[in-house]
Amino acid sequence: MASAWKHTVNPHTSATGINMAATVHFLSAIDCGGYYEGDVARENLFRDQLTRPIMTLDAEGVVRAPEGPGLGVEVDEAWLRAHPVIEGPAYV
């Protein structure tokens, strides 16, 4: 719909490496991709330790979709087991 009306799509991403990779792949697959909202917090364990590789800007200021199977990121399952989901209404 956005493409048909010549609107850009600017998805809001959460602060995990998995979601960030999915967002970059989504933007790479559409013809009306707009801005990529990446997490720039100094410390974010869900971005920095949960997955590899981390999204980075290239020399031209562009974020490229990671290559490899699936979303192109590896999930550190040991780290994930050490940080289980906390039940409740909070955003982690």
N, C-alpha and C. Protein backbone atom coordinates (compact mmCIF):
# COMPACT_ATOMS: atom_id res chain seq x y z
N MET A 1 0.82 -1.19 0.00
CA MET A 1 0.00 0.00 0.00
C MET A 1 0.86 1.26 0.00
N ALA A 2 1.91 1.25 0.82
CA ALA A 2 2.77 2.43 0.88
C ALA A 2 3.41 2.71 -0.47
N SER A 3 3.87 1.67 -1.13
CA SER A 3 4.51 1.84 -2.43
C SER A 3 3.52 2.38 -3.47
N ALA A 4 2.29 1.87 -3.44
CA ALA A 4 1.28 2.32 -4.40
C ALA A 4 0.99 3.81 -4.25
N TRP A 5 1.08 4.31 -3.03
CA TRP A 5 0.81 5.73 -2.77
C TRP A 5 2.08 6.55 -2.67
N LYS A 6 3.22 5.94 -3.02
CA LYS A 6 4.52 6.62 -3.00
C LYS A 6 4.89 7.17 -1.61
N HIS A 7 4.56 6.38 -0.59
CA HIS A 7 4.94 6.71 0.79
C HIS A 7 6.12 5.83 1.19
N THR A 8 6.99 6.35 2.01
CA THR A 8 8.09 5.53 2.52
C THR A 8 7.61 4.78 3.76
N VAL A 9 8.27 3.67 4.02
CA VAL A 9 8.00 2.87 5.21
C VAL A 9 9.20 3.05 6.13
N ASN A 10 8.94 3.50 7.35
CA ASN A 10 9.98 3.74 8.34
C ASN A 10 9.65 2.93 9.59
N PRO A 11 10.01 1.64 9.59
CA PRO A 11 9.64 0.80 10.73
C PRO A 11 10.39 1.17 12.00
N HIS A 12 9.72 1.02 13.11
CA HIS A 12 10.35 1.23 14.41
C HIS A 12 10.82 -0.12 14.91
N THR A 13 12.08 -0.22 15.25
CA THR A 13 12.66 -1.48 15.69
C THR A 13 12.83 -1.48 17.20
N SER A 14 12.74 -2.64 17.77
CA SER A 14 13.06 -2.78 19.19
C SER A 14 14.56 -2.81 19.32
N ALA A 15 15.01 -3.04 20.51
CA ALA A 15 16.43 -2.92 20.79
C ALA A 15 17.16 -4.26 20.84
N THR A 16 16.70 -5.27 20.11
CA THR A 16 17.42 -6.54 20.09
C THR A 16 18.10 -6.71 18.75
N GLY A 17 19.19 -7.43 18.73
CA GLY A 17 19.89 -7.70 17.49
C GLY A 17 19.04 -8.49 16.51
N ILE A 18 18.16 -9.35 17.00
CA ILE A 18 17.28 -10.13 16.13
C ILE A 18 16.31 -9.21 15.41
N ASN A 19 15.65 -8.33 16.17
CA ASN A 19 14.68 -7.42 15.56
C ASN A 19 15.36 -6.43 14.63
N MET A 20 16.54 -5.98 14.99
CA MET A 20 17.25 -5.04 14.14
C MET A 20 17.61 -5.69 12.80
N ALA A 21 18.06 -6.94 12.82
CA ALA A 21 18.39 -7.64 11.58
C ALA A 21 17.14 -7.85 10.74
N ALA A 22 16.03 -8.23 11.37
CA ALA A 22 14.78 -8.43 10.64
C ALA A 22 14.33 -7.13 9.98
N THR A 23 14.48 -6.01 10.67
CA THR A 23 14.09 -4.72 10.13
C THR A 23 14.93 -4.34 8.91
N VAL A 24 16.24 -4.57 8.97
CA VAL A 24 17.10 -4.24 7.84
C VAL A 24 16.76 -5.12 6.64
N HIS A 25 16.48 -6.40 6.88
CA HIS A 25 16.08 -7.28 5.77
C HIS A 25 14.76 -6.82 5.17
N PHE A 26 13.82 -6.44 6.01
CA PHE A 26 12.52 -5.94 5.54
C PHE A 26 12.71 -4.71 4.66
N LEU A 27 13.50 -3.75 5.13
CA LEU A 27 13.74 -2.54 4.35
C LEU A 27 14.46 -2.85 3.04
N SER A 28 15.31 -3.86 3.04
CA SER A 28 16.03 -4.23 1.82
C SER A 28 15.12 -4.88 0.79
N ALA A 29 13.99 -5.41 1.25
CA ALA A 29 13.11 -6.17 0.36
C ALA A 29 11.98 -5.35 -0.25
N ILE A 30 11.82 -4.11 0.18
CA ILE A 30 10.72 -3.29 -0.33
C ILE A 30 11.28 -2.12 -1.14
N ASP A 31 10.46 -1.59 -2.05
CA ASP A 31 10.94 -0.50 -2.90
C ASP A 31 10.67 0.88 -2.32
N CYS A 32 10.06 0.93 -1.14
CA CYS A 32 9.73 2.23 -0.55
C CYS A 32 10.31 2.36 0.86
N GLY A 33 11.43 1.70 1.08
CA GLY A 33 12.07 1.75 2.39
C GLY A 33 12.56 3.14 2.72
N GLY A 34 12.34 3.53 3.95
CA GLY A 34 12.77 4.84 4.41
C GLY A 34 13.92 4.72 5.39
N TYR A 35 13.77 5.37 6.51
CA TYR A 35 14.82 5.38 7.52
C TYR A 35 14.83 4.10 8.33
N TYR A 36 16.01 3.73 8.78
CA TYR A 36 16.21 2.60 9.68
C TYR A 36 16.44 3.17 11.07
N GLU A 37 15.63 2.80 12.02
CA GLU A 37 15.77 3.27 13.39
C GLU A 37 16.58 2.24 14.17
N GLY A 38 17.85 2.48 14.32
CA GLY A 38 18.71 1.57 15.06
C GLY A 38 18.90 2.04 16.48
N ASP A 39 19.19 1.10 17.35
CA ASP A 39 19.44 1.43 18.75
C ASP A 39 20.86 1.96 18.89
N VAL A 40 21.00 3.13 19.48
CA VAL A 40 22.33 3.73 19.65
C VAL A 40 22.69 3.90 21.12
N ALA A 41 22.02 3.18 22.00
CA ALA A 41 22.34 3.25 23.42
C ALA A 41 23.78 2.81 23.64
N ARG A 42 24.42 3.40 24.63
CA ARG A 42 25.81 3.02 24.92
C ARG A 42 25.92 1.56 25.29
N GLU A 43 24.99 1.10 26.09
CA GLU A 43 25.02 -0.29 26.53
C GLU A 43 23.66 -0.92 26.32
N ASN A 44 23.64 -1.98 25.55
CA ASN A 44 22.41 -2.74 25.31
C ASN A 44 22.82 -4.19 25.14
N LEU A 45 22.63 -4.98 26.18
CA LEU A 45 23.05 -6.37 26.15
C LEU A 45 22.30 -7.18 25.10
N PHE A 46 21.03 -6.83 24.86
CA PHE A 46 20.23 -7.56 23.87
C PHE A 46 20.67 -7.26 22.45
N ARG A 47 21.36 -6.18 22.26
CA ARG A 47 21.93 -5.84 20.95
C ARG A 47 23.36 -6.34 20.85
N ASP A 48 24.16 -6.13 21.89
CA ASP A 48 25.60 -6.36 21.84
C ASP A 48 26.03 -7.78 22.16
N GLN A 49 25.25 -8.51 22.97
CA GLN A 49 25.70 -9.83 23.40
C GLN A 49 24.79 -10.97 22.94
N LEU A 50 23.53 -10.68 22.64
CA LEU A 50 22.60 -11.74 22.25
C LEU A 50 22.90 -12.26 20.85
N THR A 51 23.30 -11.38 19.93
CA THR A 51 23.51 -11.79 18.54
C THR A 51 24.84 -11.27 18.01
N ARG A 52 25.31 -11.94 16.98
CA ARG A 52 26.45 -11.51 16.19
C ARG A 52 26.05 -11.70 14.74
N PRO A 53 26.40 -10.89 13.78
CA PRO A 53 27.09 -9.63 13.95
C PRO A 53 26.14 -8.51 14.38
N ILE A 54 26.73 -7.42 14.82
CA ILE A 54 25.98 -6.24 15.22
C ILE A 54 25.82 -5.33 13.99
N MET A 55 24.65 -4.70 13.85
CA MET A 55 24.43 -3.78 12.74
C MET A 55 25.37 -2.58 12.87
N THR A 56 26.03 -2.22 11.79
CA THR A 56 26.93 -1.06 11.80
C THR A 56 26.72 -0.27 10.52
N LEU A 57 27.15 0.97 10.54
CA LEU A 57 27.12 1.81 9.35
C LEU A 57 28.38 1.58 8.54
N ASP A 58 28.23 1.58 7.20
CA ASP A 58 29.43 1.51 6.37
C ASP A 58 29.96 2.92 6.15
N ALA A 59 30.98 3.06 5.33
CA ALA A 59 31.63 4.35 5.11
C ALA A 59 30.67 5.39 4.51
N GLU A 60 29.62 4.93 3.84
CA GLU A 60 28.65 5.85 3.23
C GLU A 60 27.43 6.11 4.12
N GLY A 61 27.47 5.59 5.36
CA GLY A 61 26.36 5.81 6.27
C GLY A 61 25.17 4.89 6.02
N VAL A 62 25.42 3.75 5.40
CA VAL A 62 24.36 2.81 5.05
C VAL A 62 24.47 1.56 5.93
N VAL A 63 23.33 1.07 6.39
CA VAL A 63 23.28 -0.20 7.12
C VAL A 63 22.91 -1.28 6.11
N ARG A 64 23.70 -2.32 6.04
CA ARG A 64 23.45 -3.42 5.10
C ARG A 64 22.87 -4.62 5.86
N ALA A 65 22.01 -5.36 5.18
CA ALA A 65 21.45 -6.58 5.77
C ALA A 65 22.56 -7.59 5.98
N PRO A 66 22.61 -8.22 7.16
CA PRO A 66 23.64 -9.24 7.38
C PRO A 66 23.43 -10.44 6.45
N GLU A 67 24.51 -11.05 6.05
CA GLU A 67 24.44 -12.21 5.17
C GLU A 67 24.54 -13.47 6.01
N GLY A 68 24.08 -14.58 5.45
CA GLY A 68 24.12 -15.85 6.15
C GLY A 68 22.72 -16.43 6.24
N PRO A 69 22.61 -17.61 6.81
CA PRO A 69 21.31 -18.26 6.90
C PRO A 69 20.32 -17.46 7.75
N GLY A 70 19.05 -17.59 7.42
CA GLY A 70 18.01 -16.90 8.19
C GLY A 70 18.17 -15.40 8.10
N LEU A 71 18.20 -14.75 9.24
CA LEU A 71 18.36 -13.29 9.28
C LEU A 71 19.82 -12.87 9.19
N GLY A 72 20.72 -13.84 9.18
CA GLY A 72 22.14 -13.51 9.05
C GLY A 72 22.83 -13.22 10.36
N VAL A 73 22.16 -13.46 11.46
CA VAL A 73 22.78 -13.27 12.77
C VAL A 73 22.79 -14.59 13.52
N GLU A 74 23.78 -14.77 14.37
CA GLU A 74 23.86 -15.94 15.22
C GLU A 74 23.41 -15.55 16.61
N VAL A 75 22.50 -16.33 17.18
CA VAL A 75 22.01 -16.09 18.53
C VAL A 75 22.87 -16.87 19.50
N ASP A 76 23.36 -16.20 20.52
CA ASP A 76 24.15 -16.85 21.58
C ASP A 76 23.16 -17.51 22.54
N GLU A 77 22.91 -18.78 22.33
CA GLU A 77 21.89 -19.48 23.11
C GLU A 77 22.27 -19.61 24.58
N ALA A 78 23.56 -19.71 24.88
CA ALA A 78 24.00 -19.77 26.27
C ALA A 78 23.68 -18.45 26.98
N TRP A 79 23.91 -17.34 26.30
CA TRP A 79 23.59 -16.03 26.87
C TRP A 79 22.08 -15.91 27.08
N LEU A 80 21.32 -16.41 26.13
CA LEU A 80 19.86 -16.35 26.23
C LEU A 80 19.36 -17.18 27.41
N ARG A 81 19.93 -18.37 27.63
CA ARG A 81 19.53 -19.19 28.79
C ARG A 81 19.90 -18.51 30.10
N ALA A 82 21.00 -17.78 30.11
CA ALA A 82 21.44 -17.09 31.33
C ALA A 82 20.59 -15.86 31.64
N HIS A 83 19.78 -15.41 30.68
CA HIS A 83 18.93 -14.23 30.85
C HIS A 83 17.50 -14.57 30.43
N PRO A 84 16.80 -15.37 31.24
CA PRO A 84 15.46 -15.81 30.86
C PRO A 84 14.46 -14.66 30.86
N VAL A 85 13.36 -14.89 30.19
CA VAL A 85 12.28 -13.90 30.12
C VAL A 85 11.73 -13.63 31.51
N ILE A 86 11.47 -12.39 31.80
CA ILE A 86 10.87 -11.98 33.08
C ILE A 86 9.38 -11.77 32.83
N GLU A 87 8.55 -12.53 33.50
CA GLU A 87 7.11 -12.39 33.32
C GLU A 87 6.63 -11.05 33.88
N GLY A 88 5.67 -10.45 33.23
CA GLY A 88 5.11 -9.20 33.73
C GLY A 88 4.95 -8.18 32.62
N PRO A 89 4.41 -7.02 32.95
CA PRO A 89 4.09 -6.02 31.95
C PRO A 89 5.24 -5.11 31.53
N ALA A 90 6.43 -5.37 32.00
CA ALA A 90 7.56 -4.46 31.74
C ALA A 90 8.15 -4.68 30.37
N TYR A 91 8.78 -3.66 29.85
CA TYR A 91 9.55 -3.74 28.61
C TYR A 91 11.00 -3.88 29.01
N VAL A 92 11.66 -4.92 28.55
CA VAL A 92 13.05 -5.17 28.92
C VAL A 92 13.95 -4.74 27.79
